[in-house]
Amino acid sequence: MPPRASARLRGEIVTVPGPPTRTQILLARVAVVLIVGLALAGLAWYGLSTEVIARIGRSILARPGGPMTFRFVLQPAMAAIAALRDGVADARLGRGAYLTALLTGAGGREARLWEGVLSTSRILILGVVMDVVYQIAVLGEFFPAEAAIVAVLLAFVPYLLLRGPIERAARGWMTWRADR
């Protein structure tokens, strides 16, 4: 379990996760290398054309109705849990919305992006593994870029979209609670 640090916020002592462990950093690096490596392998293997993009789109849209559909619930649910944990921590620390910070560069874009990768790295790796299994078992072929795209769509995008609204809701709830 990572070490915890205490911070004083509006007279309250709140506990926030400490710096990431070596394992968390390693998993995040593995996830990034895996996603980027698969995307580059897909580009090298199949190239980039309108035909390839159309095939990727058709293939991704067909997956929720096929076998292993549970991953379309499991991975976003896991990402939502990570977003909940991090969004509440953001609210306790008085940090701005996550996606807004990434888009505007406020609060250190790279550091905030790395936080998201740290939080979702296991989900990203699981997503890649599950998609590779799906491709081999169902499609009988392997499309590396699709595995990367599906993992990012199911793991990182929900996290990206949920962390900010969760932070705002948590901040509103904490303000409401403090006013009572």
Protein backbone atom coordinates (compact mmCIF):
# COMPACT_ATOMS: atom_id res chain seq x y z
CA MET A 1 0.00 0.00 0.00
CA PRO A 2 1.40 3.42 -0.92
CA PRO A 3 2.40 5.76 1.88
CA ARG A 4 -0.16 8.39 2.78
CA ALA A 5 0.36 12.05 3.50
CA SER A 6 -1.83 14.41 5.49
CA ALA A 7 -2.80 17.87 4.35
CA ARG A 8 -4.77 20.58 6.11
CA LEU A 9 -7.65 21.96 4.06
CA ARG A 10 -10.17 24.42 5.54
CA GLY A 11 -9.25 23.35 9.03
CA GLU A 12 -9.76 19.66 8.27
CA ILE A 13 -6.99 17.10 8.03
CA VAL A 14 -7.41 15.04 4.89
CA THR A 15 -5.43 12.02 3.89
CA VAL A 16 -4.24 11.78 0.30
CA PRO A 17 -2.18 9.12 -1.42
CA GLY A 18 1.54 9.68 -1.25
CA PRO A 19 3.95 9.43 -4.14
CA PRO A 20 3.48 6.48 -6.50
CA THR A 21 5.22 3.24 -5.68
CA ARG A 22 7.82 1.67 -7.94
CA THR A 23 5.27 -0.90 -9.03
CA GLN A 24 2.77 1.80 -10.03
CA ILE A 25 5.43 3.64 -12.01
CA LEU A 26 6.54 0.41 -13.70
CA LEU A 27 2.96 -0.51 -14.63
CA ALA A 28 2.35 2.98 -16.01
CA ARG A 29 5.50 2.80 -18.12
CA VAL A 30 4.57 -0.67 -19.37
CA ALA A 31 1.07 0.59 -20.28
CA VAL A 32 2.44 3.57 -22.20
CA VAL A 33 5.05 1.49 -24.04
CA LEU A 34 2.43 -1.17 -24.82
CA ILE A 35 -0.14 1.32 -26.16
CA VAL A 36 2.39 3.33 -28.20
CA GLY A 37 4.14 0.17 -29.41
CA LEU A 38 0.89 -1.41 -30.57
CA ALA A 39 -0.18 1.78 -32.33
CA LEU A 40 3.16 2.02 -34.14
CA ALA A 41 3.12 -1.69 -34.98
CA GLY A 42 -0.37 -1.30 -36.44
CA LEU A 43 0.79 1.65 -38.54
CA ALA A 44 3.84 -0.26 -39.76
CA TRP A 45 1.90 -3.46 -40.41
CA TYR A 46 -1.28 -2.13 -42.04
CA GLY A 47 -0.44 1.48 -42.84
CA LEU A 48 -2.87 4.35 -42.60
CA SER A 49 -5.50 4.73 -45.28
CA THR A 50 -9.20 5.45 -45.44
CA GLU A 51 -9.78 1.73 -45.92
CA VAL A 52 -7.84 0.86 -42.75
CA ILE A 53 -9.61 3.58 -40.76
CA ALA A 54 -13.01 2.34 -42.00
CA ARG A 55 -12.13 -1.25 -41.05
CA ILE A 56 -11.03 -0.14 -37.58
CA GLY A 57 -14.26 1.81 -37.13
CA ARG A 58 -16.44 -1.10 -38.28
CA SER A 59 -14.52 -3.56 -36.13
CA ILE A 60 -14.70 -1.43 -32.99
CA LEU A 61 -18.42 -0.74 -33.45
CA ALA A 62 -19.12 -4.48 -33.92
CA ARG A 63 -17.34 -5.55 -30.73
CA PRO A 64 -19.94 -4.61 -28.11
CA GLY A 65 -22.43 -7.03 -29.65
CA GLY A 66 -20.04 -9.96 -29.89
CA PRO A 67 -18.32 -12.26 -27.45
CA MET A 68 -16.55 -10.81 -24.39
CA THR A 69 -19.08 -7.99 -24.16
CA PHE A 70 -18.58 -7.85 -20.37
CA ARG A 71 -15.36 -5.90 -20.90
CA PHE A 72 -17.42 -2.98 -22.23
CA VAL A 73 -18.88 -2.72 -18.73
CA LEU A 74 -15.93 -3.95 -16.67
CA GLN A 75 -13.21 -1.63 -17.96
CA PRO A 76 -15.25 1.60 -17.87
CA ALA A 77 -16.50 0.64 -14.39
CA MET A 78 -12.91 0.18 -13.21
CA ALA A 79 -11.99 3.52 -14.81
CA ALA A 80 -14.95 5.16 -13.05
CA ILE A 81 -13.72 3.84 -9.70
CA ALA A 82 -10.25 5.27 -10.39
CA ALA A 83 -11.84 8.58 -11.47
CA LEU A 84 -13.93 8.63 -8.30
CA ARG A 85 -10.89 8.14 -6.10
CA ASP A 86 -8.85 10.77 -7.93
CA GLY A 87 -11.73 13.22 -8.38
CA VAL A 88 -12.48 13.22 -4.65
CA ALA A 89 -8.78 13.70 -3.91
CA ASP A 90 -8.74 16.64 -6.36
CA ALA A 91 -11.70 18.18 -4.55
CA ARG A 92 -10.04 17.75 -1.16
CA LEU A 93 -6.90 19.43 -2.45
CA GLY A 94 -8.78 22.21 -4.23
CA ARG A 95 -7.45 21.26 -7.66
CA GLY A 96 -9.26 22.17 -10.86
CA ALA A 97 -11.13 19.83 -13.16
CA TYR A 98 -8.90 17.21 -14.73
CA LEU A 99 -9.88 17.47 -18.40
CA THR A 100 -9.89 21.27 -18.22
CA ALA A 101 -6.39 21.20 -16.76
CA LEU A 102 -5.21 18.91 -19.56
CA LEU A 103 -6.75 21.06 -22.28
CA THR A 104 -5.64 24.43 -20.91
CA GLY A 105 -2.32 23.39 -19.40
CA ALA A 106 -3.34 24.80 -16.03
CA GLY A 107 -1.74 23.01 -13.12
CA GLY A 108 0.93 21.19 -15.12
CA ARG A 109 -0.52 19.31 -18.08
CA GLU A 110 2.17 16.63 -18.19
CA ALA A 111 2.02 15.91 -14.45
CA ARG A 112 -1.77 15.67 -14.49
CA LEU A 113 -1.70 13.40 -17.57
CA TRP A 114 0.85 11.16 -15.84
CA GLU A 115 -1.50 10.95 -12.80
CA GLY A 116 -4.20 9.61 -15.09
CA VAL A 117 -1.85 7.09 -16.65
CA LEU A 118 -0.73 5.97 -13.19
CA SER A 119 -4.35 5.50 -12.12
CA THR A 120 -5.46 3.63 -15.23
CA SER A 121 -2.33 1.64 -16.11
CA ARG A 122 -3.64 -1.70 -14.87
CA ILE A 123 -6.93 -1.14 -16.67
CA LEU A 124 -5.08 -0.23 -19.89
CA ILE A 125 -2.91 -3.36 -19.70
CA LEU A 126 -5.97 -5.51 -18.94
CA GLY A 127 -7.76 -3.91 -21.89
CA VAL A 128 -4.93 -4.72 -24.27
CA VAL A 129 -4.75 -8.33 -23.07
CA MET A 130 -8.52 -8.78 -23.34
CA ASP A 131 -8.61 -7.30 -26.82
CA VAL A 132 -5.73 -9.46 -28.04
CA VAL A 133 -7.59 -12.53 -26.73
CA TYR A 134 -10.77 -11.31 -28.45
CA GLN A 135 -9.01 -10.70 -31.75
CA ILE A 136 -7.30 -14.07 -31.81
CA ALA A 137 -10.36 -16.03 -30.62
CA VAL A 138 -13.06 -14.24 -32.62
CA LEU A 139 -11.39 -12.53 -35.57
CA GLY A 140 -8.61 -15.04 -36.10
CA GLU A 141 -6.29 -12.12 -36.86
CA PHE A 142 -4.33 -9.59 -34.86
CA PHE A 143 -4.65 -5.86 -35.42
CA PRO A 144 -2.25 -4.20 -32.95
CA ALA A 145 -3.49 -0.62 -33.37
CA GLU A 146 -7.06 -1.74 -32.69
CA ALA A 147 -5.99 -3.32 -29.42
CA ALA A 148 -4.42 0.00 -28.38
CA ILE A 149 -7.45 2.03 -29.49
CA VAL A 150 -9.96 -0.22 -27.73
CA ALA A 151 -7.92 -0.20 -24.50
CA VAL A 152 -7.72 3.60 -24.52
CA LEU A 153 -11.43 3.96 -25.38
CA LEU A 154 -12.55 1.61 -22.61
CA ALA A 155 -10.07 2.58 -19.89
CA PHE A 156 -8.67 6.06 -20.28
CA VAL A 157 -11.51 7.93 -22.00
CA PRO A 158 -14.10 7.16 -19.27
CA TYR A 159 -11.54 8.18 -16.64
CA LEU A 160 -10.83 11.38 -18.56
CA LEU A 161 -14.50 12.25 -18.87
CA LEU A 162 -15.53 11.35 -15.31
CA ARG A 163 -12.74 12.69 -13.10
CA GLY A 164 -13.64 16.38 -13.53
CA PRO A 165 -17.40 16.04 -12.93
CA ILE A 166 -16.70 13.83 -9.92
CA GLU A 167 -14.30 16.49 -8.58
CA ARG A 168 -16.96 19.19 -8.99
CA ALA A 169 -19.65 17.04 -7.35
CA ALA A 170 -17.33 16.18 -4.46
CA ARG A 171 -16.37 19.81 -4.01
CA GLY A 172 -20.05 20.82 -3.97
CA TRP A 173 -20.84 18.11 -1.46
CA MET A 174 -17.94 19.12 0.80
CA THR A 175 -19.00 22.78 0.61
CA TRP A 176 -22.60 21.84 1.42
CA ARG A 177 -21.44 19.68 4.33
CA ALA A 178 -19.18 22.43 5.68
CA ASP A 179 -22.04 24.97 5.54
CA ARG A 180 -24.36 22.80 7.62
